[in-house]
Amino acid sequence: DHAPWMLLGGIAGMLSKDPPIPDIRYLLLPKADVTVIDDWHVMGLSGTGSKSCTVEDVFVPETHMIGDENTGFMYIVQNMNAERHTIAVSGLRCARICYEEAIRWAMTRETFGKKLIDHQIVRFKLAECLRQIEQLQDNVERVAGQFNCGTPDVQMGVDCYLVKINAS
């Protein structure tokens, strides 16, 4: 919202028409050339400033195209690992907040003459929730350790994918 320029992944042209092969690149565009759509109203992402963007009929000079011809997809894929990890961290925090709220509720709400927390099945379900949250915490920290150790992106794809899936 505050930057005068935007870095977007997009199709810079066609490498061939038959079969159709797009030239995917990162494009550096002035914000005035981009239509920003505020449609990312989802849990955990409201603070990120993420929004959808569209660009139509805009000339992009070669100096504003990042990387060589048809290299944009690799840039996008390489960035996915960090994005997936960040999403997992957000999901983990949301899970912890929800768990804390569930505990508070179970300690105050009464059913059948006793607090919810005193029902065995409720304690079992809360324990299972905590087990899954702690497992996710371990996975998030393990992937963060891989990032810190400089593990190549090509070796982290599956772990980053799984940690994001487990967080969602």
C-alpha atoms as a PDB file:
ATOM      1  CA  ASP A   1       0.000   0.000   0.000  1.00  0.00           C
ATOM      2  CA  HIS A   2       2.811   2.417   0.784  1.00  0.00           C
ATOM      3  CA  ALA A   3       5.412   1.567  -1.852  1.00  0.00           C
ATOM      4  CA  PRO A   4       5.488   3.367  -5.203  1.00  0.00           C
ATOM      5  CA  TRP A   5       6.685   0.174  -6.976  1.00  0.00           C
ATOM      6  CA  MET A   6       5.400  -3.411  -6.982  1.00  0.00           C
ATOM      7  CA  LEU A   7       7.194  -6.683  -7.742  1.00  0.00           C
ATOM      8  CA  LEU A   8       4.786  -9.140  -9.336  1.00  0.00           C
ATOM      9  CA  GLY A   9       5.070 -12.532 -10.979  1.00  0.00           C
ATOM     10  CA  GLY A  10       3.458 -12.507 -14.390  1.00  0.00           C
ATOM     11  CA  ILE A  11       3.548 -13.423 -18.054  1.00  0.00           C
ATOM     12  CA  ALA A  12       5.846 -11.081 -19.965  1.00  0.00           C
ATOM     13  CA  GLY A  13       4.952 -12.570 -23.362  1.00  0.00           C
ATOM     14  CA  MET A  14       4.877 -15.870 -25.183  1.00  0.00           C
ATOM     15  CA  LEU A  15       8.012 -17.897 -25.955  1.00  0.00           C
ATOM     16  CA  SER A  16       6.079 -19.867 -28.561  1.00  0.00           C
ATOM     17  CA  LYS A  17       2.506 -20.071 -29.751  1.00  0.00           C
ATOM     18  CA  ASP A  18       2.351 -23.749 -30.751  1.00  0.00           C
ATOM     19  CA  PRO A  19       2.542 -25.181 -28.196  1.00  0.00           C
ATOM     20  CA  PRO A  20       1.795 -22.074 -26.100  1.00  0.00           C
ATOM     21  CA  ILE A  21       4.699 -21.448 -23.702  1.00  0.00           C
ATOM     22  CA  PRO A  22       4.469 -18.300 -21.568  1.00  0.00           C
ATOM     23  CA  ASP A  23       7.525 -16.262 -20.564  1.00  0.00           C
ATOM     24  CA  ILE A  24       7.002 -16.121 -16.788  1.00  0.00           C
ATOM     25  CA  ARG A  25       8.991 -13.383 -15.076  1.00  0.00           C
ATOM     26  CA  TYR A  26       9.052 -11.125 -12.074  1.00  0.00           C
ATOM     27  CA  LEU A  27       8.009  -7.671 -13.209  1.00  0.00           C
ATOM     28  CA  LEU A  28       8.866  -4.404 -11.460  1.00  0.00           C
ATOM     29  CA  LEU A  29       5.943  -2.046 -12.060  1.00  0.00           C
ATOM     30  CA  PRO A  30       4.965   1.403 -10.842  1.00  0.00           C
ATOM     31  CA  LYS A  31       1.998   1.082  -8.517  1.00  0.00           C
ATOM     32  CA  ALA A  32       0.021   3.401 -10.800  1.00  0.00           C
ATOM     33  CA  ASP A  33       0.023   0.620 -13.467  1.00  0.00           C
ATOM     34  CA  VAL A  34      -1.401  -1.980 -11.076  1.00  0.00           C
ATOM     35  CA  THR A  35      -4.972  -2.438  -9.874  1.00  0.00           C
ATOM     36  CA  VAL A  36      -4.811  -3.558  -6.232  1.00  0.00           C
ATOM     37  CA  ILE A  37      -7.782  -5.575  -4.984  1.00  0.00           C
ATOM     38  CA  ASP A  38      -8.223  -5.837  -1.211  1.00  0.00           C
ATOM     39  CA  ASP A  39      -9.734  -9.332  -1.128  1.00  0.00           C
ATOM     40  CA  TRP A  40      -7.496 -11.305   1.246  1.00  0.00           C
ATOM     41  CA  HIS A  41      -9.908 -11.283   4.181  1.00  0.00           C
ATOM     42  CA  VAL A  42      -8.809 -14.563   5.745  1.00  0.00           C
ATOM     43  CA  MET A  43      -7.813 -15.575   9.252  1.00  0.00           C
ATOM     44  CA  GLY A  44      -4.167 -15.029  10.052  1.00  0.00           C
ATOM     45  CA  LEU A  45      -3.351 -12.829   7.061  1.00  0.00           C
ATOM     46  CA  SER A  46      -5.053  -9.550   7.935  1.00  0.00           C
ATOM     47  CA  GLY A  47      -1.793  -8.120   9.276  1.00  0.00           C
ATOM     48  CA  THR A  48       0.295  -9.099   6.247  1.00  0.00           C
ATOM     49  CA  GLY A  49      -1.045  -6.504   3.842  1.00  0.00           C
ATOM     50  CA  SER A  50      -1.502  -9.221   1.203  1.00  0.00           C
ATOM     51  CA  LYS A  51      -3.802  -8.304  -1.649  1.00  0.00           C
ATOM     52  CA  SER A  52      -4.573  -9.507  -5.156  1.00  0.00           C
ATOM     53  CA  CYS A  53      -3.338  -7.491  -8.116  1.00  0.00           C
ATOM     54  CA  THR A  54      -4.233  -7.245 -11.793  1.00  0.00           C
ATOM     55  CA  VAL A  55      -2.323  -5.653 -14.629  1.00  0.00           C
ATOM     56  CA  GLU A  56      -3.729  -5.185 -18.115  1.00  0.00           C
ATOM     57  CA  ASP A  57      -2.179  -3.789 -21.298  1.00  0.00           C
ATOM     58  CA  VAL A  58       0.929  -2.386 -19.596  1.00  0.00           C
ATOM     59  CA  PHE A  59       4.256  -2.069 -21.384  1.00  0.00           C
ATOM     60  CA  VAL A  60       7.102  -3.387 -19.243  1.00  0.00           C
ATOM     61  CA  PRO A  61      10.599  -2.461 -20.446  1.00  0.00           C
ATOM     62  CA  GLU A  62      13.236  -5.192 -20.354  1.00  0.00           C
ATOM     63  CA  THR A  63      15.040  -3.251 -17.583  1.00  0.00           C
ATOM     64  CA  HIS A  64      11.998  -3.845 -15.334  1.00  0.00           C
ATOM     65  CA  MET A  65      11.937  -7.616 -15.915  1.00  0.00           C
ATOM     66  CA  ILE A  66      13.818  -9.555 -13.262  1.00  0.00           C
ATOM     67  CA  GLY A  67      15.970 -12.458 -14.454  1.00  0.00           C
ATOM     68  CA  ASP A  68      16.521 -14.021 -17.842  1.00  0.00           C
ATOM     69  CA  GLU A  69      13.777 -15.129 -20.190  1.00  0.00           C
ATOM     70  CA  ASN A  70      11.426 -17.701 -18.606  1.00  0.00           C
ATOM     71  CA  THR A  71      13.177 -17.727 -15.203  1.00  0.00           C
ATOM     72  CA  GLY A  72      10.313 -16.215 -13.213  1.00  0.00           C
ATOM     73  CA  PHE A  73       8.733 -19.545 -12.387  1.00  0.00           C
ATOM     74  CA  MET A  74      11.908 -20.688 -10.607  1.00  0.00           C
ATOM     75  CA  TYR A  75      11.961 -17.463  -8.568  1.00  0.00           C
ATOM     76  CA  ILE A  76       8.327 -18.023  -7.631  1.00  0.00           C
ATOM     77  CA  VAL A  77       8.948 -21.661  -6.657  1.00  0.00           C
ATOM     78  CA  GLN A  78      12.032 -20.772  -4.608  1.00  0.00           C
ATOM     79  CA  ASN A  79       9.998 -18.221  -2.663  1.00  0.00           C
ATOM     80  CA  MET A  80       7.276 -20.788  -1.895  1.00  0.00           C
ATOM     81  CA  ASN A  81       9.306 -22.462   0.846  1.00  0.00           C
ATOM     82  CA  ALA A  82       9.607 -19.285   2.902  1.00  0.00           C
ATOM     83  CA  GLU A  83       5.956 -18.421   2.267  1.00  0.00           C
ATOM     84  CA  ARG A  84       4.814 -21.867   3.362  1.00  0.00           C
ATOM     85  CA  HIS A  85       6.866 -21.654   6.546  1.00  0.00           C
ATOM     86  CA  THR A  86       5.488 -18.196   7.326  1.00  0.00           C
ATOM     87  CA  ILE A  87       1.931 -19.446   6.821  1.00  0.00           C
ATOM     88  CA  ALA A  88       2.669 -22.369   9.159  1.00  0.00           C
ATOM     89  CA  VAL A  89       3.990 -20.001  11.843  1.00  0.00           C
ATOM     90  CA  SER A  90       0.801 -17.907  11.556  1.00  0.00           C
ATOM     91  CA  GLY A  91      -1.346 -21.034  11.746  1.00  0.00           C
ATOM     92  CA  LEU A  92       0.558 -22.245  14.798  1.00  0.00           C
ATOM     93  CA  ARG A  93      -0.033 -18.955  16.610  1.00  0.00           C
ATOM     94  CA  CYS A  94      -3.740 -19.025  15.751  1.00  0.00           C
ATOM     95  CA  ALA A  95      -3.962 -22.620  17.032  1.00  0.00           C
ATOM     96  CA  ARG A  96      -2.343 -21.654  20.343  1.00  0.00           C
ATOM     97  CA  ILE A  97      -4.736 -18.729  20.804  1.00  0.00           C
ATOM     98  CA  CYS A  98      -7.748 -20.936  20.033  1.00  0.00           C
ATOM     99  CA  TYR A  99      -6.485 -23.583  22.456  1.00  0.00           C
ATOM    100  CA  GLU A 100      -6.074 -21.009  25.245  1.00  0.00           C
ATOM    101  CA  GLU A 101      -9.616 -19.754  24.612  1.00  0.00           C
ATOM    102  CA  ALA A 102     -10.973 -23.321  24.654  1.00  0.00           C
ATOM    103  CA  ILE A 103      -9.293 -23.983  28.018  1.00  0.00           C
ATOM    104  CA  ARG A 104     -10.710 -20.749  29.471  1.00  0.00           C
ATOM    105  CA  TRP A 105     -14.173 -21.645  28.217  1.00  0.00           C
ATOM    106  CA  ALA A 106     -13.971 -25.220  29.502  1.00  0.00           C
ATOM    107  CA  MET A 107     -12.970 -23.970  32.940  1.00  0.00           C
ATOM    108  CA  THR A 108     -15.958 -21.618  33.242  1.00  0.00           C
ATOM    109  CA  ARG A 109     -18.785 -23.292  31.298  1.00  0.00           C
ATOM    110  CA  GLU A 110     -20.899 -25.834  33.177  1.00  0.00           C
ATOM    111  CA  THR A 111     -22.927 -28.741  31.815  1.00  0.00           C
ATOM    112  CA  PHE A 112     -24.750 -31.463  33.722  1.00  0.00           C
ATOM    113  CA  GLY A 113     -23.786 -29.863  37.019  1.00  0.00           C
ATOM    114  CA  LYS A 114     -20.008 -29.697  36.460  1.00  0.00           C
ATOM    115  CA  LYS A 115     -17.475 -27.671  34.524  1.00  0.00           C
ATOM    116  CA  LEU A 116     -16.698 -28.790  30.967  1.00  0.00           C
ATOM    117  CA  ILE A 117     -13.058 -29.370  31.912  1.00  0.00           C
ATOM    118  CA  ASP A 118     -14.215 -31.993  34.421  1.00  0.00           C
ATOM    119  CA  HIS A 119     -15.740 -34.167  31.657  1.00  0.00           C
ATOM    120  CA  GLN A 120     -13.286 -36.876  30.588  1.00  0.00           C
ATOM    121  CA  ILE A 121     -14.073 -36.566  26.862  1.00  0.00           C
ATOM    122  CA  VAL A 122     -13.450 -32.811  26.928  1.00  0.00           C
ATOM    123  CA  ARG A 123     -10.076 -33.314  28.625  1.00  0.00           C
ATOM    124  CA  PHE A 124      -9.238 -35.998  26.053  1.00  0.00           C
ATOM    125  CA  LYS A 125     -10.102 -33.688  23.135  1.00  0.00           C
ATOM    126  CA  LEU A 126      -8.117 -30.814  24.623  1.00  0.00           C
ATOM    127  CA  ALA A 127      -5.136 -33.120  25.145  1.00  0.00           C
ATOM    128  CA  GLU A 128      -5.349 -34.246  21.513  1.00  0.00           C
ATOM    129  CA  CYS A 129      -5.470 -30.617  20.365  1.00  0.00           C
ATOM    130  CA  LEU A 130      -2.381 -29.828  22.392  1.00  0.00           C
ATOM    131  CA  ARG A 131      -0.576 -32.884  20.990  1.00  0.00           C
ATOM    132  CA  GLN A 132      -1.206 -31.640  17.455  1.00  0.00           C
ATOM    133  CA  ILE A 133      -0.140 -28.090  18.341  1.00  0.00           C
ATOM    134  CA  GLU A 134       3.104 -29.329  19.925  1.00  0.00           C
ATOM    135  CA  GLN A 135       3.793 -31.552  16.910  1.00  0.00           C
ATOM    136  CA  LEU A 136       3.324 -28.529  14.646  1.00  0.00           C
ATOM    137  CA  GLN A 137       5.633 -26.470  16.907  1.00  0.00           C
ATOM    138  CA  ASP A 138       8.327 -29.130  16.520  1.00  0.00           C
ATOM    139  CA  ASN A 139       7.913 -29.193  12.743  1.00  0.00           C
ATOM    140  CA  VAL A 140       7.988 -25.380  12.468  1.00  0.00           C
ATOM    141  CA  GLU A 141      11.196 -25.223  14.533  1.00  0.00           C
ATOM    142  CA  ARG A 142      12.801 -28.048  12.516  1.00  0.00           C
ATOM    143  CA  VAL A 143      12.106 -26.251   9.223  1.00  0.00           C
ATOM    144  CA  ALA A 144      13.360 -22.956  10.719  1.00  0.00           C
ATOM    145  CA  GLY A 145      16.551 -24.794  11.659  1.00  0.00           C
ATOM    146  CA  GLN A 146      16.936 -25.961   8.068  1.00  0.00           C
ATOM    147  CA  PHE A 147      16.600 -22.362   6.862  1.00  0.00           C
ATOM    148  CA  ASN A 148      19.170 -21.205   9.438  1.00  0.00           C
ATOM    149  CA  CYS A 149      21.624 -23.916   8.385  1.00  0.00           C
ATOM    150  CA  GLY A 150      21.364 -22.890   4.738  1.00  0.00           C
ATOM    151  CA  THR A 151      19.731 -26.091   3.485  1.00  0.00           C
ATOM    152  CA  PRO A 152      19.174 -25.650  -0.275  1.00  0.00           C
ATOM    153  CA  ASP A 153      15.595 -24.838  -1.313  1.00  0.00           C
ATOM    154  CA  VAL A 154      15.373 -27.915  -3.525  1.00  0.00           C
ATOM    155  CA  GLN A 155      15.847 -30.104  -0.432  1.00  0.00           C
ATOM    156  CA  MET A 156      13.262 -28.259   1.677  1.00  0.00           C
ATOM    157  CA  GLY A 157      10.222 -28.333  -0.590  1.00  0.00           C
ATOM    158  CA  VAL A 158       8.538 -31.375   0.927  1.00  0.00           C
ATOM    159  CA  ASP A 159       9.162 -30.310   4.525  1.00  0.00           C
ATOM    160  CA  CYS A 160       7.827 -26.794   3.867  1.00  0.00           C
ATOM    161  CA  TYR A 161       4.802 -28.225   2.083  1.00  0.00           C
ATOM    162  CA  LEU A 162       4.033 -30.611   4.932  1.00  0.00           C
ATOM    163  CA  VAL A 163       4.452 -28.035   7.701  1.00  0.00           C
ATOM    164  CA  LYS A 164       2.041 -25.685   5.896  1.00  0.00           C
ATOM    165  CA  ILE A 165      -0.509 -28.485   5.355  1.00  0.00           C
ATOM    166  CA  ASN A 166      -0.269 -29.510   9.010  1.00  0.00           C
ATOM    167  CA  ALA A 167      -0.887 -25.915  10.075  1.00  0.00           C
ATOM    168  CA  SER A 168      -3.989 -25.472   7.960  1.00  0.00           C
END
